[in-house]
Amino acid sequence: MVRVFKTNITDTALAEEFVDSIHLNFSNYIANFDLEDCDNILRIESFNNEICREAIINLIAEKGFYAEELPD
């Protein structure tokens, strides 16, 4: 399963912190950012479980940032 999120995260170091946090909290997720895309894309992949959209959005919101899942 793959989920893609539009974010307002523009800083590379901050994006790396979020990826580390996602990997720490969700060990079965593979996450990465594409900050060159106009939507500052966060892509999350899981091979063995559903991806909890709300948990990802909340994790980002806790730090004062925005994430919205993009449709397929």
PDB file of N, CA and C in Angstrom:
ATOM      1  N   MET A   1       0.836  -1.170   0.000  1.00  0.00           N
ATOM      2  CA  MET A   1       0.000   0.000   0.000  1.00  0.00           C
ATOM      3  C   MET A   1       0.883   1.236   0.000  1.00  0.00           C
ATOM      4  N   VAL A   2       0.455   2.267  -0.721  1.00  0.00           N
ATOM      5  CA  VAL A   2       1.167   3.544  -0.789  1.00  0.00           C
ATOM      6  C   VAL A   2       0.164   4.662  -0.553  1.00  0.00           C
ATOM      7  N   ARG A   3       0.568   5.630   0.251  1.00  0.00           N
ATOM      8  CA  ARG A   3      -0.219   6.856   0.433  1.00  0.00           C
ATOM      9  C   ARG A   3       0.696   8.037   0.145  1.00  0.00           C
ATOM     10  N   VAL A   4       0.110   9.069  -0.484  1.00  0.00           N
ATOM     11  CA  VAL A   4       0.861  10.264  -0.857  1.00  0.00           C
ATOM     12  C   VAL A   4       0.172  11.466  -0.228  1.00  0.00           C
ATOM     13  N   PHE A   5       0.988  12.329   0.394  1.00  0.00           N
ATOM     14  CA  PHE A   5       0.470  13.490   1.102  1.00  0.00           C
ATOM     15  C   PHE A   5       1.092  14.770   0.558  1.00  0.00           C
ATOM     16  N   LYS A   6       0.274  15.787   0.447  1.00  0.00           N
ATOM     17  CA  LYS A   6       0.719  17.146   0.165  1.00  0.00           C
ATOM     18  C   LYS A   6       1.050  17.763   1.521  1.00  0.00           C
ATOM     19  N   THR A   7       2.199  18.451   1.629  1.00  0.00           N
ATOM     20  CA  THR A   7       2.587  19.060   2.899  1.00  0.00           C
ATOM     21  C   THR A   7       3.049  20.499   2.680  1.00  0.00           C
ATOM     22  N   ASN A   8       3.258  21.199   3.791  1.00  0.00           N
ATOM     23  CA  ASN A   8       3.869  22.525   3.715  1.00  0.00           C
ATOM     24  C   ASN A   8       5.284  22.504   4.299  1.00  0.00           C
ATOM     25  N   ILE A   9       5.906  21.351   4.279  1.00  0.00           N
ATOM     26  CA  ILE A   9       7.282  21.187   4.755  1.00  0.00           C
ATOM     27  C   ILE A   9       8.215  21.462   3.579  1.00  0.00           C
ATOM     28  N   THR A  10       9.079  22.473   3.731  1.00  0.00           N
ATOM     29  CA  THR A  10       9.943  22.881   2.623  1.00  0.00           C
ATOM     30  C   THR A  10      11.426  22.720   2.924  1.00  0.00           C
ATOM     31  N   ASP A  11      11.777  22.489   4.173  1.00  0.00           N
ATOM     32  CA  ASP A  11      13.167  22.406   4.594  1.00  0.00           C
ATOM     33  C   ASP A  11      13.648  20.950   4.574  1.00  0.00           C
ATOM     34  N   THR A  12      14.782  20.714   3.942  1.00  0.00           N
ATOM     35  CA  THR A  12      15.315  19.360   3.813  1.00  0.00           C
ATOM     36  C   THR A  12      15.621  18.725   5.166  1.00  0.00           C
ATOM     37  N   ALA A  13      16.246  19.470   6.053  1.00  0.00           N
ATOM     38  CA  ALA A  13      16.585  18.917   7.373  1.00  0.00           C
ATOM     39  C   ALA A  13      15.325  18.558   8.148  1.00  0.00           C
ATOM     40  N   LEU A  14      14.316  19.397   8.061  1.00  0.00           N
ATOM     41  CA  LEU A  14      13.048  19.126   8.736  1.00  0.00           C
ATOM     42  C   LEU A  14      12.363  17.903   8.132  1.00  0.00           C
ATOM     43  N   ALA A  15      12.401  17.790   6.821  1.00  0.00           N
ATOM     44  CA  ALA A  15      11.822  16.620   6.153  1.00  0.00           C
ATOM     45  C   ALA A  15      12.518  15.345   6.626  1.00  0.00           C
ATOM     46  N   GLU A  16      13.836  15.393   6.769  1.00  0.00           N
ATOM     47  CA  GLU A  16      14.579  14.226   7.253  1.00  0.00           C
ATOM     48  C   GLU A  16      14.180  13.869   8.682  1.00  0.00           C
ATOM     49  N   GLU A  17      13.937  14.887   9.514  1.00  0.00           N
ATOM     50  CA  GLU A  17      13.477  14.635  10.884  1.00  0.00           C
ATOM     51  C   GLU A  17      12.125  13.928  10.880  1.00  0.00           C
ATOM     52  N   PHE A  18      11.219  14.373  10.000  1.00  0.00           N
ATOM     53  CA  PHE A  18       9.909  13.734   9.911  1.00  0.00           C
ATOM     54  C   PHE A  18      10.029  12.293   9.423  1.00  0.00           C
ATOM     55  N   VAL A  19      10.877  12.052   8.451  1.00  0.00           N
ATOM     56  CA  VAL A  19      11.079  10.682   7.961  1.00  0.00           C
ATOM     57  C   VAL A  19      11.610   9.803   9.092  1.00  0.00           C
ATOM     58  N   ASP A  20      12.579  10.310   9.840  1.00  0.00           N
ATOM     59  CA  ASP A  20      13.114   9.549  10.977  1.00  0.00           C
ATOM     60  C   ASP A  20      12.024   9.264  12.007  1.00  0.00           C
ATOM     61  N   SER A  21      11.194  10.256  12.281  1.00  0.00           N
ATOM     62  CA  SER A  21      10.110  10.097  13.254  1.00  0.00           C
ATOM     63  C   SER A  21       9.080   9.074  12.775  1.00  0.00           C
ATOM     64  N   ILE A  22       8.760   9.111  11.496  1.00  0.00           N
ATOM     65  CA  ILE A  22       7.816   8.140  10.928  1.00  0.00           C
ATOM     66  C   ILE A  22       8.395   6.734  11.047  1.00  0.00           C
ATOM     67  N   HIS A  23       9.668   6.576  10.699  1.00  0.00           N
ATOM     68  CA  HIS A  23      10.298   5.253  10.780  1.00  0.00           C
ATOM     69  C   HIS A  23      10.381   4.760  12.218  1.00  0.00           C
ATOM     70  N   LEU A  24      10.587   5.669  13.167  1.00  0.00           N
ATOM     71  CA  LEU A  24      10.656   5.301  14.576  1.00  0.00           C
ATOM     72  C   LEU A  24       9.292   4.859  15.104  1.00  0.00           C
ATOM     73  N   ASN A  25       8.243   5.591  14.724  1.00  0.00           N
ATOM     74  CA  ASN A  25       6.893   5.308  15.213  1.00  0.00           C
ATOM     75  C   ASN A  25       6.183   4.200  14.442  1.00  0.00           C
ATOM     76  N   PHE A  26       6.571   4.003  13.194  1.00  0.00           N
ATOM     77  CA  PHE A  26       5.918   3.024  12.320  1.00  0.00           C
ATOM     78  C   PHE A  26       7.016   2.233  11.604  1.00  0.00           C
ATOM     79  N   SER A  27       7.520   1.215  12.253  1.00  0.00           N
ATOM     80  CA  SER A  27       8.688   0.499  11.733  1.00  0.00           C
ATOM     81  C   SER A  27       8.434  -0.220  10.411  1.00  0.00           C
ATOM     82  N   ASN A  28       7.181  -0.432  10.062  1.00  0.00           N
ATOM     83  CA  ASN A  28       6.871  -1.123   8.809  1.00  0.00           C
ATOM     84  C   ASN A  28       6.616  -0.156   7.647  1.00  0.00           C
ATOM     85  N   TYR A  29       6.815   1.151   7.878  1.00  0.00           N
ATOM     86  CA  TYR A  29       6.617   2.146   6.824  1.00  0.00           C
ATOM     87  C   TYR A  29       7.962   2.548   6.221  1.00  0.00           C
ATOM     88  N   ILE A  30       7.937   2.838   4.935  1.00  0.00           N
ATOM     89  CA  ILE A  30       9.067   3.443   4.242  1.00  0.00           C
ATOM     90  C   ILE A  30       8.583   4.813   3.783  1.00  0.00           C
ATOM     91  N   ALA A  31       9.245   5.868   4.247  1.00  0.00           N
ATOM     92  CA  ALA A  31       8.792   7.231   3.958  1.00  0.00           C
ATOM     93  C   ALA A  31       9.892   8.022   3.269  1.00  0.00           C
ATOM     94  N   ASN A  32       9.480   8.937   2.389  1.00  0.00           N
ATOM     95  CA  ASN A  32      10.416   9.881   1.786  1.00  0.00           C
ATOM     96  C   ASN A  32       9.663  11.115   1.311  1.00  0.00           C
ATOM     97  N   PHE A  33      10.394  12.210   1.158  1.00  0.00           N
ATOM     98  CA  PHE A  33       9.835  13.471   0.687  1.00  0.00           C
ATOM     99  C   PHE A  33      10.356  13.780  -0.699  1.00  0.00           C
ATOM    100  N   ASP A  34       9.535  14.466  -1.474  1.00  0.00           N
ATOM    101  CA  ASP A  34       9.958  15.083  -2.729  1.00  0.00           C
ATOM    102  C   ASP A  34       9.692  16.572  -2.575  1.00  0.00           C
ATOM    103  N   LEU A  35      10.691  17.313  -2.105  1.00  0.00           N
ATOM    104  CA  LEU A  35      10.527  18.740  -1.863  1.00  0.00           C
ATOM    105  C   LEU A  35      10.679  19.564  -3.136  1.00  0.00           C
ATOM    106  N   GLU A  36      11.065  18.933  -4.230  1.00  0.00           N
ATOM    107  CA  GLU A  36      11.138  19.642  -5.503  1.00  0.00           C
ATOM    108  C   GLU A  36       9.766  19.744  -6.158  1.00  0.00           C
ATOM    109  N   ASP A  37       8.839  18.903  -5.755  1.00  0.00           N
ATOM    110  CA  ASP A  37       7.460  18.969  -6.236  1.00  0.00           C
ATOM    111  C   ASP A  37       6.784  20.177  -5.593  1.00  0.00           C
ATOM    112  N   CYS A  38       5.901  20.842  -6.323  1.00  0.00           N
ATOM    113  CA  CYS A  38       5.233  22.039  -5.795  1.00  0.00           C
ATOM    114  C   CYS A  38       4.374  21.737  -4.571  1.00  0.00           C
ATOM    115  N   ASP A  39       3.988  20.488  -4.373  1.00  0.00           N
ATOM    116  CA  ASP A  39       3.167  20.101  -3.221  1.00  0.00           C
ATOM    117  C   ASP A  39       3.990  19.532  -2.065  1.00  0.00           C
ATOM    118  N   ASN A  40       5.318  19.579  -2.161  1.00  0.00           N
ATOM    119  CA  ASN A  40       6.193  19.071  -1.092  1.00  0.00           C
ATOM    120  C   ASN A  40       5.713  17.700  -0.620  1.00  0.00           C
ATOM    121  N   ILE A  41       5.781  16.761  -1.510  1.00  0.00           N
ATOM    122  CA  ILE A  41       5.170  15.443  -1.354  1.00  0.00           C
ATOM    123  C   ILE A  41       5.862  14.585  -0.295  1.00  0.00           C
ATOM    124  N   LEU A  42       5.043  13.977   0.542  1.00  0.00           N
ATOM    125  CA  LEU A  42       5.475  12.920   1.457  1.00  0.00           C
ATOM    126  C   LEU A  42       4.857  11.632   0.937  1.00  0.00           C
ATOM    127  N   ARG A  43       5.701  10.650   0.652  1.00  0.00           N
ATOM    128  CA  ARG A  43       5.236   9.356   0.144  1.00  0.00           C
ATOM    129  C   ARG A  43       5.551   8.303   1.191  1.00  0.00           C
ATOM    130  N   ILE A  44       4.535   7.515   1.537  1.00  0.00           N
ATOM    131  CA  ILE A  44       4.710   6.457   2.529  1.00  0.00           C
ATOM    132  C   ILE A  44       4.256   5.142   1.924  1.00  0.00           C
ATOM    133  N   GLU A  45       5.089   4.127   2.101  1.00  0.00           N
ATOM    134  CA  GLU A  45       4.798   2.794   1.580  1.00  0.00           C
ATOM    135  C   GLU A  45       4.860   1.790   2.723  1.00  0.00           C
ATOM    136  N   SER A  46       3.954   0.822   2.691  1.00  0.00           N
ATOM    137  CA  SER A  46       3.954  -0.272   3.657  1.00  0.00           C
ATOM    138  C   SER A  46       3.686  -1.562   2.902  1.00  0.00           C
ATOM    139  N   PHE A  47       4.517  -2.557   3.144  1.00  0.00           N
ATOM    140  CA  PHE A  47       4.369  -3.829   2.443  1.00  0.00           C
ATOM    141  C   PHE A  47       3.450  -4.802   3.154  1.00  0.00           C
ATOM    142  N   ASN A  48       3.231  -4.593   4.461  1.00  0.00           N
ATOM    143  CA  ASN A  48       2.461  -5.604   5.181  1.00  0.00           C
ATOM    144  C   ASN A  48       1.273  -5.064   5.970  1.00  0.00           C
ATOM    145  N   ASN A  49       1.036  -3.776   5.964  1.00  0.00           N
ATOM    146  CA  ASN A  49      -0.086  -3.222   6.721  1.00  0.00           C
ATOM    147  C   ASN A  49      -0.709  -2.043   5.997  1.00  0.00           C
ATOM    148  N   GLU A  50      -1.901  -1.706   6.427  1.00  0.00           N
ATOM    149  CA  GLU A  50      -2.522  -0.459   6.009  1.00  0.00           C
ATOM    150  C   GLU A  50      -1.696   0.695   6.561  1.00  0.00           C
ATOM    151  N   ILE A  51      -1.788   1.834   5.931  1.00  0.00           N
ATOM    152  CA  ILE A  51      -1.132   3.038   6.429  1.00  0.00           C
ATOM    153  C   ILE A  51      -2.197   3.898   7.087  1.00  0.00           C
ATOM    154  N   CYS A  52      -1.961   4.264   8.327  1.00  0.00           N
ATOM    155  CA  CYS A  52      -2.931   5.048   9.084  1.00  0.00           C
ATOM    156  C   CYS A  52      -2.803   6.526   8.712  1.00  0.00           C
ATOM    157  N   ARG A  53      -3.682   6.969   7.841  1.00  0.00           N
ATOM    158  CA  ARG A  53      -3.675   8.345   7.346  1.00  0.00           C
ATOM    159  C   ARG A  53      -3.735   9.352   8.485  1.00  0.00           C
ATOM    160  N   GLU A  54      -4.649   9.121   9.423  1.00  0.00           N
ATOM    161  CA  GLU A  54      -4.849  10.058  10.526  1.00  0.00           C
ATOM    162  C   GLU A  54      -3.600  10.171  11.395  1.00  0.00           C
ATOM    163  N   ALA A  55      -2.930   9.065  11.632  1.00  0.00           N
ATOM    164  CA  ALA A  55      -1.722   9.088  12.465  1.00  0.00           C
ATOM    165  C   ALA A  55      -0.616   9.913  11.813  1.00  0.00           C
ATOM    166  N   ILE A  56      -0.470   9.804  10.507  1.00  0.00           N
ATOM    167  CA  ILE A  56       0.554  10.577   9.796  1.00  0.00           C
ATOM    168  C   ILE A  56       0.205  12.057   9.828  1.00  0.00           C
ATOM    169  N   ILE A  57      -1.038  12.385   9.537  1.00  0.00           N
ATOM    170  CA  ILE A  57      -1.470  13.789   9.557  1.00  0.00           C
ATOM    171  C   ILE A  57      -1.286  14.378  10.951  1.00  0.00           C
ATOM    172  N   ASN A  58      -1.645  13.625  11.983  1.00  0.00           N
ATOM    173  CA  ASN A  58      -1.494  14.105  13.359  1.00  0.00           C
ATOM    174  C   ASN A  58      -0.029  14.271  13.745  1.00  0.00           C
ATOM    175  N   LEU A  59       0.823  13.348  13.337  1.00  0.00           N
ATOM    176  CA  LEU A  59       2.250  13.442  13.630  1.00  0.00           C
ATOM    177  C   LEU A  59       2.830  14.742  13.074  1.00  0.00           C
ATOM    178  N   ILE A  60       2.436  15.085  11.872  1.00  0.00           N
ATOM    179  CA  ILE A  60       2.917  16.312  11.238  1.00  0.00           C
ATOM    180  C   ILE A  60       2.281  17.539  11.888  1.00  0.00           C
ATOM    181  N   ALA A  61       0.992  17.462  12.190  1.00  0.00           N
ATOM    182  CA  ALA A  61       0.282  18.590  12.808  1.00  0.00           C
ATOM    183  C   ALA A  61       0.823  18.908  14.199  1.00  0.00           C
ATOM    184  N   GLU A  62       1.269  17.896  14.929  1.00  0.00           N
ATOM    185  CA  GLU A  62       1.829  18.112  16.273  1.00  0.00           C
ATOM    186  C   GLU A  62       3.021  19.059  16.250  1.00  0.00           C
ATOM    187  N   LYS A  63       3.711  19.116  15.132  1.00  0.00           N
ATOM    188  CA  LYS A  63       4.873  20.001  14.986  1.00  0.00           C
ATOM    189  C   LYS A  63       4.505  21.314  14.293  1.00  0.00           C
ATOM    190  N   GLY A  64       3.199  21.538  14.077  1.00  0.00           N
ATOM    191  CA  GLY A  64       2.745  22.797  13.502  1.00  0.00           C
ATOM    192  C   GLY A  64       2.732  22.847  11.991  1.00  0.00           C
ATOM    193  N   PHE A  65       2.771  21.681  11.355  1.00  0.00           N
ATOM    194  CA  PHE A  65       2.761  21.640   9.899  1.00  0.00           C
ATOM    195  C   PHE A  65       1.480  20.986   9.394  1.00  0.00           C
ATOM    196  N   TYR A  66       1.311  21.018   8.079  1.00  0.00           N
ATOM    197  CA  TYR A  66       0.079  20.580   7.430  1.00  0.00           C
ATOM    198  C   TYR A  66       0.373  19.407   6.504  1.00  0.00           C
ATOM    199  N   ALA A  67      -0.533  18.442   6.494  1.00  0.00           N
ATOM    200  CA  ALA A  67      -0.469  17.335   5.531  1.00  0.00           C
ATOM    201  C   ALA A  67      -1.884  16.974   5.117  1.00  0.00           C
ATOM    202  N   GLU A  68      -2.041  16.703   3.841  1.00  0.00           N
ATOM    203  CA  GLU A  68      -3.336  16.305   3.278  1.00  0.00           C
ATOM    204  C   GLU A  68      -3.091  15.160   2.310  1.00  0.00           C
ATOM    205  N   GLU A  69      -3.836  14.082   2.484  1.00  0.00           N
ATOM    206  CA  GLU A  69      -3.664  12.952   1.568  1.00  0.00           C
ATOM    207  C   GLU A  69      -4.186  13.322   0.190  1.00  0.00           C
ATOM    208  N   LEU A  70      -3.412  12.988  -0.823  1.00  0.00           N
ATOM    209  CA  LEU A  70      -3.832  13.212  -2.203  1.00  0.00           C
ATOM    210  C   LEU A  70      -4.573  11.981  -2.709  1.00  0.00           C
ATOM    211  N   PRO A  71      -5.581  12.192  -3.542  1.00  0.00           N
ATOM    212  CA  PRO A  71      -6.318  11.041  -4.091  1.00  0.00           C
ATOM    213  C   PRO A  71      -5.438  10.241  -5.047  1.00  0.00           C
ATOM    214  N   ASP A  72      -5.810   8.982  -5.259  1.00  0.00           N
ATOM    215  CA  ASP A  72      -5.058   8.095  -6.165  1.00  0.00           C
ATOM    216  C   ASP A  72      -4.981   8.653  -7.553  1.00  0.00           C
TER     217      ASP A  72
END
